[in-house]
């Protein structure tokens, strides 16, 4: 399974991913990589949702342009252009950044890490979620905002993250098949969630090592 230990964390709004993930990284002695894409690989994109939004707007511009051009030319001289041609650069950028982190060992929040590293041995995939009403209350507490603002953030954030994974990989973030552990983090304190996840990750890696040893 290699020497690097990796945890990927997918978290819905209000599930506490931004609080739990960095503390888990500290507890495990690993680097923490949040949802922010670094400028050298994202070319200034502030986060995945923004990058996806730009990709979608670009896709829309290309689609409208090609539709108009097809009308003018009769569609006879155009090479086929698919939406994959538009999203491929973003996907390659994200996969390169996640792959580099995985080689060094890290707790990776977001970035569709569970899909990028789906086939990589020794990577523990976690989903943090919870009922919308409890996530709403936690979001209000984390951001210090009112219920109406938190509700808007919940809807917009969940939609953006779902769209990101769907656009790049054709999967849904809520699919339990993507994860080794799905946790309702709204019923635990941040500290308790970190303890539970640390124990689960270490148990997972110990099991992986035993499996490798048995095959040797």
C-alpha atoms as a PDB file:
ATOM      1  CA  UNK A   1       0.000   0.000   0.000  1.00  0.00           C
ATOM      2  CA  UNK A   2       3.027   2.306   0.128  1.00  0.00           C
ATOM      3  CA  UNK A   3       4.365   4.416   2.987  1.00  0.00           C
ATOM      4  CA  UNK A   4       2.163   7.504   2.544  1.00  0.00           C
ATOM      5  CA  UNK A   5      -1.028   7.609   4.592  1.00  0.00           C
ATOM      6  CA  UNK A   6      -3.924   9.504   3.057  1.00  0.00           C
ATOM      7  CA  UNK A   7      -7.446  10.394   4.165  1.00  0.00           C
ATOM      8  CA  UNK A   8      -9.888  12.013   1.765  1.00  0.00           C
ATOM      9  CA  UNK A   9     -12.830  13.858   3.288  1.00  0.00           C
ATOM     10  CA  UNK A  10     -15.971  14.904   1.468  1.00  0.00           C
ATOM     11  CA  UNK A  11     -18.227  17.113   3.575  1.00  0.00           C
ATOM     12  CA  UNK A  12     -21.578  18.714   2.982  1.00  0.00           C
ATOM     13  CA  UNK A  13     -22.255  22.243   4.221  1.00  0.00           C
ATOM     14  CA  UNK A  14     -22.567  22.403   8.004  1.00  0.00           C
ATOM     15  CA  UNK A  15     -21.070  18.954   8.593  1.00  0.00           C
ATOM     16  CA  UNK A  16     -17.953  20.571  10.030  1.00  0.00           C
ATOM     17  CA  UNK A  17     -15.423  19.451   7.436  1.00  0.00           C
ATOM     18  CA  UNK A  18     -13.465  22.698   7.640  1.00  0.00           C
ATOM     19  CA  UNK A  19     -13.033  22.173  11.404  1.00  0.00           C
ATOM     20  CA  UNK A  20     -12.663  18.398  11.587  1.00  0.00           C
ATOM     21  CA  UNK A  21     -10.290  17.802   8.672  1.00  0.00           C
ATOM     22  CA  UNK A  22      -7.380  20.030   9.804  1.00  0.00           C
ATOM     23  CA  UNK A  23      -7.604  18.723  13.373  1.00  0.00           C
ATOM     24  CA  UNK A  24      -7.590  15.166  12.072  1.00  0.00           C
ATOM     25  CA  UNK A  25      -4.478  15.938  10.042  1.00  0.00           C
ATOM     26  CA  UNK A  26      -2.760  17.217  13.191  1.00  0.00           C
ATOM     27  CA  UNK A  27      -3.847  14.162  15.165  1.00  0.00           C
ATOM     28  CA  UNK A  28      -2.454  11.848  12.482  1.00  0.00           C
ATOM     29  CA  UNK A  29       0.712  13.882  11.923  1.00  0.00           C
ATOM     30  CA  UNK A  30      -0.174  14.536   8.295  1.00  0.00           C
ATOM     31  CA  UNK A  31      -0.299  17.580   6.040  1.00  0.00           C
ATOM     32  CA  UNK A  32      -3.718  19.179   5.642  1.00  0.00           C
ATOM     33  CA  UNK A  33      -4.936  20.177   2.184  1.00  0.00           C
ATOM     34  CA  UNK A  34      -8.164  22.164   2.151  1.00  0.00           C
ATOM     35  CA  UNK A  35     -10.509  22.922  -0.714  1.00  0.00           C
ATOM     36  CA  UNK A  36      -8.391  25.803  -1.942  1.00  0.00           C
ATOM     37  CA  UNK A  37      -6.433  25.127  -5.113  1.00  0.00           C
ATOM     38  CA  UNK A  38      -2.983  26.696  -4.995  1.00  0.00           C
ATOM     39  CA  UNK A  39      -2.355  29.528  -7.481  1.00  0.00           C
ATOM     40  CA  UNK A  40       0.354  27.613  -9.359  1.00  0.00           C
ATOM     41  CA  UNK A  41      -2.067  24.840 -10.301  1.00  0.00           C
ATOM     42  CA  UNK A  42      -5.371  26.693 -10.331  1.00  0.00           C
ATOM     43  CA  UNK A  43      -4.213  29.892 -12.036  1.00  0.00           C
ATOM     44  CA  UNK A  44      -5.932  32.096  -9.494  1.00  0.00           C
ATOM     45  CA  UNK A  45      -9.126  30.087  -8.929  1.00  0.00           C
ATOM     46  CA  UNK A  46     -10.119  30.651  -5.301  1.00  0.00           C
ATOM     47  CA  UNK A  47     -11.873  27.338  -4.822  1.00  0.00           C
ATOM     48  CA  UNK A  48     -13.373  24.395  -6.643  1.00  0.00           C
ATOM     49  CA  UNK A  49     -16.834  25.886  -6.892  1.00  0.00           C
ATOM     50  CA  UNK A  50     -15.425  28.992  -8.568  1.00  0.00           C
ATOM     51  CA  UNK A  51     -13.307  26.900 -10.916  1.00  0.00           C
ATOM     52  CA  UNK A  52     -16.292  24.789 -11.869  1.00  0.00           C
ATOM     53  CA  UNK A  53     -18.410  27.889 -12.368  1.00  0.00           C
ATOM     54  CA  UNK A  54     -15.829  29.317 -14.746  1.00  0.00           C
ATOM     55  CA  UNK A  55     -15.621  25.979 -16.554  1.00  0.00           C
ATOM     56  CA  UNK A  56     -19.384  25.878 -16.959  1.00  0.00           C
ATOM     57  CA  UNK A  57     -19.519  29.441 -18.230  1.00  0.00           C
ATOM     58  CA  UNK A  58     -16.775  28.633 -20.726  1.00  0.00           C
ATOM     59  CA  UNK A  59     -18.635  25.506 -21.752  1.00  0.00           C
ATOM     60  CA  UNK A  60     -21.772  27.569 -22.295  1.00  0.00           C
ATOM     61  CA  UNK A  61     -19.919  30.122 -24.430  1.00  0.00           C
ATOM     62  CA  UNK A  62     -18.394  27.372 -26.562  1.00  0.00           C
ATOM     63  CA  UNK A  63     -21.740  25.620 -26.973  1.00  0.00           C
ATOM     64  CA  UNK A  64     -23.510  28.802 -28.070  1.00  0.00           C
ATOM     65  CA  UNK A  65     -20.668  29.685 -30.439  1.00  0.00           C
ATOM     66  CA  UNK A  66     -20.633  26.232 -32.029  1.00  0.00           C
ATOM     67  CA  UNK A  67     -24.405  26.224 -32.354  1.00  0.00           C
ATOM     68  CA  UNK A  68     -24.309  29.533 -34.229  1.00  0.00           C
ATOM     69  CA  UNK A  69     -21.400  28.402 -36.396  1.00  0.00           C
ATOM     70  CA  UNK A  70     -23.195  25.167 -37.251  1.00  0.00           C
ATOM     71  CA  UNK A  71     -26.151  27.180 -38.529  1.00  0.00           C
ATOM     72  CA  UNK A  72     -23.890  29.290 -40.756  1.00  0.00           C
ATOM     73  CA  UNK A  73     -21.860  26.400 -42.146  1.00  0.00           C
ATOM     74  CA  UNK A  74     -24.563  23.785 -42.159  1.00  0.00           C
ATOM     75  CA  UNK A  75     -22.562  21.841 -39.611  1.00  0.00           C
ATOM     76  CA  UNK A  76     -20.586  20.092 -42.372  1.00  0.00           C
ATOM     77  CA  UNK A  77     -17.061  21.334 -41.683  1.00  0.00           C
ATOM     78  CA  UNK A  78     -16.929  21.222 -37.878  1.00  0.00           C
ATOM     79  CA  UNK A  79     -14.938  18.620 -35.981  1.00  0.00           C
ATOM     80  CA  UNK A  80     -17.012  17.274 -33.072  1.00  0.00           C
ATOM     81  CA  UNK A  81     -16.338  19.088 -29.808  1.00  0.00           C
ATOM     82  CA  UNK A  82     -17.581  17.512 -26.593  1.00  0.00           C
ATOM     83  CA  UNK A  83     -18.086  18.961 -23.125  1.00  0.00           C
ATOM     84  CA  UNK A  84     -15.190  16.756 -22.032  1.00  0.00           C
ATOM     85  CA  UNK A  85     -12.915  18.966 -24.138  1.00  0.00           C
ATOM     86  CA  UNK A  86     -13.943  21.876 -21.917  1.00  0.00           C
ATOM     87  CA  UNK A  87     -13.657  20.181 -18.516  1.00  0.00           C
ATOM     88  CA  UNK A  88     -10.498  18.124 -19.173  1.00  0.00           C
ATOM     89  CA  UNK A  89      -7.981  20.886 -18.197  1.00  0.00           C
ATOM     90  CA  UNK A  90      -9.674  21.434 -14.824  1.00  0.00           C
ATOM     91  CA  UNK A  91      -9.825  17.713 -14.121  1.00  0.00           C
ATOM     92  CA  UNK A  92      -6.162  17.256 -15.019  1.00  0.00           C
ATOM     93  CA  UNK A  93      -5.184  20.176 -12.784  1.00  0.00           C
ATOM     94  CA  UNK A  94      -7.076  18.824  -9.789  1.00  0.00           C
ATOM     95  CA  UNK A  95      -5.802  15.271 -10.296  1.00  0.00           C
ATOM     96  CA  UNK A  96      -2.210  16.483 -10.497  1.00  0.00           C
ATOM     97  CA  UNK A  97      -2.516  18.414  -7.232  1.00  0.00           C
ATOM     98  CA  UNK A  98      -4.238  15.540  -5.416  1.00  0.00           C
ATOM     99  CA  UNK A  99      -1.757  13.003  -6.775  1.00  0.00           C
ATOM    100  CA  UNK A 100       1.168  15.030  -5.454  1.00  0.00           C
ATOM    101  CA  UNK A 101      -0.427  15.282  -2.009  1.00  0.00           C
ATOM    102  CA  UNK A 102      -1.128  11.552  -1.963  1.00  0.00           C
ATOM    103  CA  UNK A 103       2.529  10.762  -2.591  1.00  0.00           C
ATOM    104  CA  UNK A 104       3.521  12.737   0.497  1.00  0.00           C
ATOM    105  CA  UNK A 105       0.660  11.741   2.784  1.00  0.00           C
ATOM    106  CA  UNK A 106      -2.172  14.102   3.719  1.00  0.00           C
ATOM    107  CA  UNK A 107      -5.714  14.661   4.878  1.00  0.00           C
ATOM    108  CA  UNK A 108      -7.406  16.059   1.777  1.00  0.00           C
ATOM    109  CA  UNK A 109     -10.675  17.968   2.126  1.00  0.00           C
ATOM    110  CA  UNK A 110     -12.756  18.148  -1.037  1.00  0.00           C
ATOM    111  CA  UNK A 111     -11.159  18.157  -4.503  1.00  0.00           C
ATOM    112  CA  UNK A 112     -13.116  14.969  -5.319  1.00  0.00           C
ATOM    113  CA  UNK A 113     -10.279  13.105  -3.622  1.00  0.00           C
ATOM    114  CA  UNK A 114     -12.354   9.964  -3.152  1.00  0.00           C
ATOM    115  CA  UNK A 115     -12.675   9.687  -6.942  1.00  0.00           C
ATOM    116  CA  UNK A 116      -9.199  10.842  -7.914  1.00  0.00           C
ATOM    117  CA  UNK A 117      -7.680   8.286  -5.521  1.00  0.00           C
ATOM    118  CA  UNK A 118     -10.419   5.663  -5.755  1.00  0.00           C
ATOM    119  CA  UNK A 119      -8.056   2.917  -6.930  1.00  0.00           C
ATOM    120  CA  UNK A 120      -5.066   3.873  -4.810  1.00  0.00           C
ATOM    121  CA  UNK A 121      -4.300   1.366  -2.009  1.00  0.00           C
ATOM    122  CA  UNK A 122      -4.107   2.677   1.538  1.00  0.00           C
ATOM    123  CA  UNK A 123      -6.326   5.721   1.028  1.00  0.00           C
ATOM    124  CA  UNK A 124      -9.147   6.041   3.565  1.00  0.00           C
ATOM    125  CA  UNK A 125     -12.241   7.756   2.150  1.00  0.00           C
ATOM    126  CA  UNK A 126     -14.644   9.568   4.505  1.00  0.00           C
ATOM    127  CA  UNK A 127     -17.949  11.378   3.994  1.00  0.00           C
ATOM    128  CA  UNK A 128     -19.209  13.864   6.615  1.00  0.00           C
ATOM    129  CA  UNK A 129     -22.907  14.621   6.339  1.00  0.00           C
ATOM    130  CA  UNK A 130     -26.090  14.958   8.376  1.00  0.00           C
ATOM    131  CA  UNK A 131     -29.745  15.996   8.117  1.00  0.00           C
ATOM    132  CA  UNK A 132     -30.216  19.453   6.575  1.00  0.00           C
ATOM    133  CA  UNK A 133     -31.796  20.926   9.711  1.00  0.00           C
ATOM    134  CA  UNK A 134     -28.860  19.978  11.914  1.00  0.00           C
ATOM    135  CA  UNK A 135     -26.332  21.038   9.276  1.00  0.00           C
ATOM    136  CA  UNK A 136     -28.139  24.359   9.038  1.00  0.00           C
ATOM    137  CA  UNK A 137     -27.790  24.983  12.766  1.00  0.00           C
ATOM    138  CA  UNK A 138     -24.132  24.032  12.758  1.00  0.00           C
ATOM    139  CA  UNK A 139     -23.511  26.251   9.729  1.00  0.00           C
ATOM    140  CA  UNK A 140     -25.088  29.165  11.596  1.00  0.00           C
ATOM    141  CA  UNK A 141     -22.762  28.559  14.550  1.00  0.00           C
ATOM    142  CA  UNK A 142     -19.624  28.119  12.451  1.00  0.00           C
ATOM    143  CA  UNK A 143     -20.202  31.185  10.280  1.00  0.00           C
ATOM    144  CA  UNK A 144     -22.011  33.264  12.918  1.00  0.00           C
ATOM    145  CA  UNK A 145     -24.874  34.005  10.520  1.00  0.00           C
ATOM    146  CA  UNK A 146     -28.667  33.986  10.680  1.00  0.00           C
ATOM    147  CA  UNK A 147     -30.881  31.101   9.577  1.00  0.00           C
ATOM    148  CA  UNK A 148     -31.882  32.619   6.237  1.00  0.00           C
ATOM    149  CA  UNK A 149     -28.273  33.244   5.221  1.00  0.00           C
ATOM    150  CA  UNK A 150     -27.200  29.793   6.385  1.00  0.00           C
ATOM    151  CA  UNK A 151     -30.028  28.183   4.401  1.00  0.00           C
ATOM    152  CA  UNK A 152     -28.876  29.984   1.280  1.00  0.00           C
ATOM    153  CA  UNK A 153     -25.274  28.948   1.893  1.00  0.00           C
ATOM    154  CA  UNK A 154     -26.326  25.338   2.473  1.00  0.00           C
ATOM    155  CA  UNK A 155     -28.278  25.148  -0.762  1.00  0.00           C
ATOM    156  CA  UNK A 156     -25.678  26.944  -2.861  1.00  0.00           C
ATOM    157  CA  UNK A 157     -22.677  25.102  -1.398  1.00  0.00           C
ATOM    158  CA  UNK A 158     -24.183  21.627  -1.615  1.00  0.00           C
ATOM    159  CA  UNK A 159     -25.319  22.319  -5.170  1.00  0.00           C
ATOM    160  CA  UNK A 160     -21.887  23.613  -6.226  1.00  0.00           C
ATOM    161  CA  UNK A 161     -20.036  20.643  -4.745  1.00  0.00           C
ATOM    162  CA  UNK A 162     -22.481  18.141  -6.263  1.00  0.00           C
ATOM    163  CA  UNK A 163     -22.167  19.858  -9.624  1.00  0.00           C
ATOM    164  CA  UNK A 164     -18.378  19.817  -9.399  1.00  0.00           C
ATOM    165  CA  UNK A 165     -18.202  16.045  -8.885  1.00  0.00           C
ATOM    166  CA  UNK A 166     -20.942  15.366 -11.419  1.00  0.00           C
ATOM    167  CA  UNK A 167     -19.348  17.549 -14.094  1.00  0.00           C
ATOM    168  CA  UNK A 168     -15.885  16.048 -13.739  1.00  0.00           C
ATOM    169  CA  UNK A 169     -16.709  12.421 -12.892  1.00  0.00           C
ATOM    170  CA  UNK A 170     -20.412  11.823 -13.475  1.00  0.00           C
ATOM    171  CA  UNK A 171     -20.932  10.759  -9.833  1.00  0.00           C
ATOM    172  CA  UNK A 172     -22.854  12.072  -6.850  1.00  0.00           C
ATOM    173  CA  UNK A 173     -21.117  13.110  -3.645  1.00  0.00           C
ATOM    174  CA  UNK A 174     -23.890  11.436  -1.630  1.00  0.00           C
ATOM    175  CA  UNK A 175     -23.154   7.990  -3.101  1.00  0.00           C
ATOM    176  CA  UNK A 176     -22.057   5.840  -0.095  1.00  0.00           C
ATOM    177  CA  UNK A 177     -20.192   3.490  -2.450  1.00  0.00           C
ATOM    178  CA  UNK A 178     -17.477   6.160  -2.762  1.00  0.00           C
ATOM    179  CA  UNK A 179     -16.506   5.982   0.912  1.00  0.00           C
ATOM    180  CA  UNK A 180     -15.208   3.598   3.537  1.00  0.00           C
ATOM    181  CA  UNK A 181     -16.989   5.547   6.275  1.00  0.00           C
ATOM    182  CA  UNK A 182     -20.034   7.820   6.171  1.00  0.00           C
ATOM    183  CA  UNK A 183     -20.483   9.792   9.400  1.00  0.00           C
ATOM    184  CA  UNK A 184     -23.298  12.012  10.631  1.00  0.00           C
ATOM    185  CA  UNK A 185     -20.938  14.576  12.117  1.00  0.00           C
ATOM    186  CA  UNK A 186     -23.771  16.781  13.366  1.00  0.00           C
ATOM    187  CA  UNK A 187     -24.392  14.485  16.357  1.00  0.00           C
ATOM    188  CA  UNK A 188     -20.784  14.676  17.587  1.00  0.00           C
ATOM    189  CA  UNK A 189     -18.549  17.416  18.830  1.00  0.00           C
ATOM    190  CA  UNK A 190     -15.596  18.281  16.604  1.00  0.00           C
ATOM    191  CA  UNK A 191     -13.190  16.714  19.097  1.00  0.00           C
ATOM    192  CA  UNK A 192     -15.196  13.482  19.312  1.00  0.00           C
ATOM    193  CA  UNK A 193     -15.416  13.278  15.529  1.00  0.00           C
ATOM    194  CA  UNK A 194     -11.639  13.664  15.260  1.00  0.00           C
ATOM    195  CA  UNK A 195     -11.049  10.894  17.796  1.00  0.00           C
ATOM    196  CA  UNK A 196     -13.453   8.570  16.004  1.00  0.00           C
ATOM    197  CA  UNK A 197     -11.968   9.272  12.571  1.00  0.00           C
ATOM    198  CA  UNK A 198      -8.417   8.853  13.820  1.00  0.00           C
ATOM    199  CA  UNK A 199      -9.239   5.464  15.272  1.00  0.00           C
ATOM    200  CA  UNK A 200     -11.084   4.424  12.114  1.00  0.00           C
ATOM    201  CA  UNK A 201      -8.234   5.531   9.846  1.00  0.00           C
ATOM    202  CA  UNK A 202      -5.594   3.744  11.895  1.00  0.00           C
ATOM    203  CA  UNK A 203      -7.722   0.576  11.989  1.00  0.00           C
ATOM    204  CA  UNK A 204      -8.136   0.790   8.206  1.00  0.00           C
ATOM    205  CA  UNK A 205      -4.401   1.147   7.595  1.00  0.00           C
ATOM    206  CA  UNK A 206      -3.611  -1.713   9.995  1.00  0.00           C
ATOM    207  CA  UNK A 207      -6.041  -3.929   8.117  1.00  0.00           C
ATOM    208  CA  UNK A 208      -4.504  -2.913   4.798  1.00  0.00           C
ATOM    209  CA  UNK A 209      -1.031  -3.805   6.065  1.00  0.00           C
ATOM    210  CA  UNK A 210      -2.230  -7.209   7.204  1.00  0.00           C
ATOM    211  CA  UNK A 211      -3.799  -7.846   3.824  1.00  0.00           C
ATOM    212  CA  UNK A 212      -0.564  -6.925   2.050  1.00  0.00           C
ATOM    213  CA  UNK A 213       1.455  -9.125   4.390  1.00  0.00           C
ATOM    214  CA  UNK A 214      -0.893 -12.068   3.786  1.00  0.00           C
ATOM    215  CA  UNK A 215      -0.363 -11.759   0.039  1.00  0.00           C
ATOM    216  CA  UNK A 216       3.433 -11.680   0.371  1.00  0.00           C
END
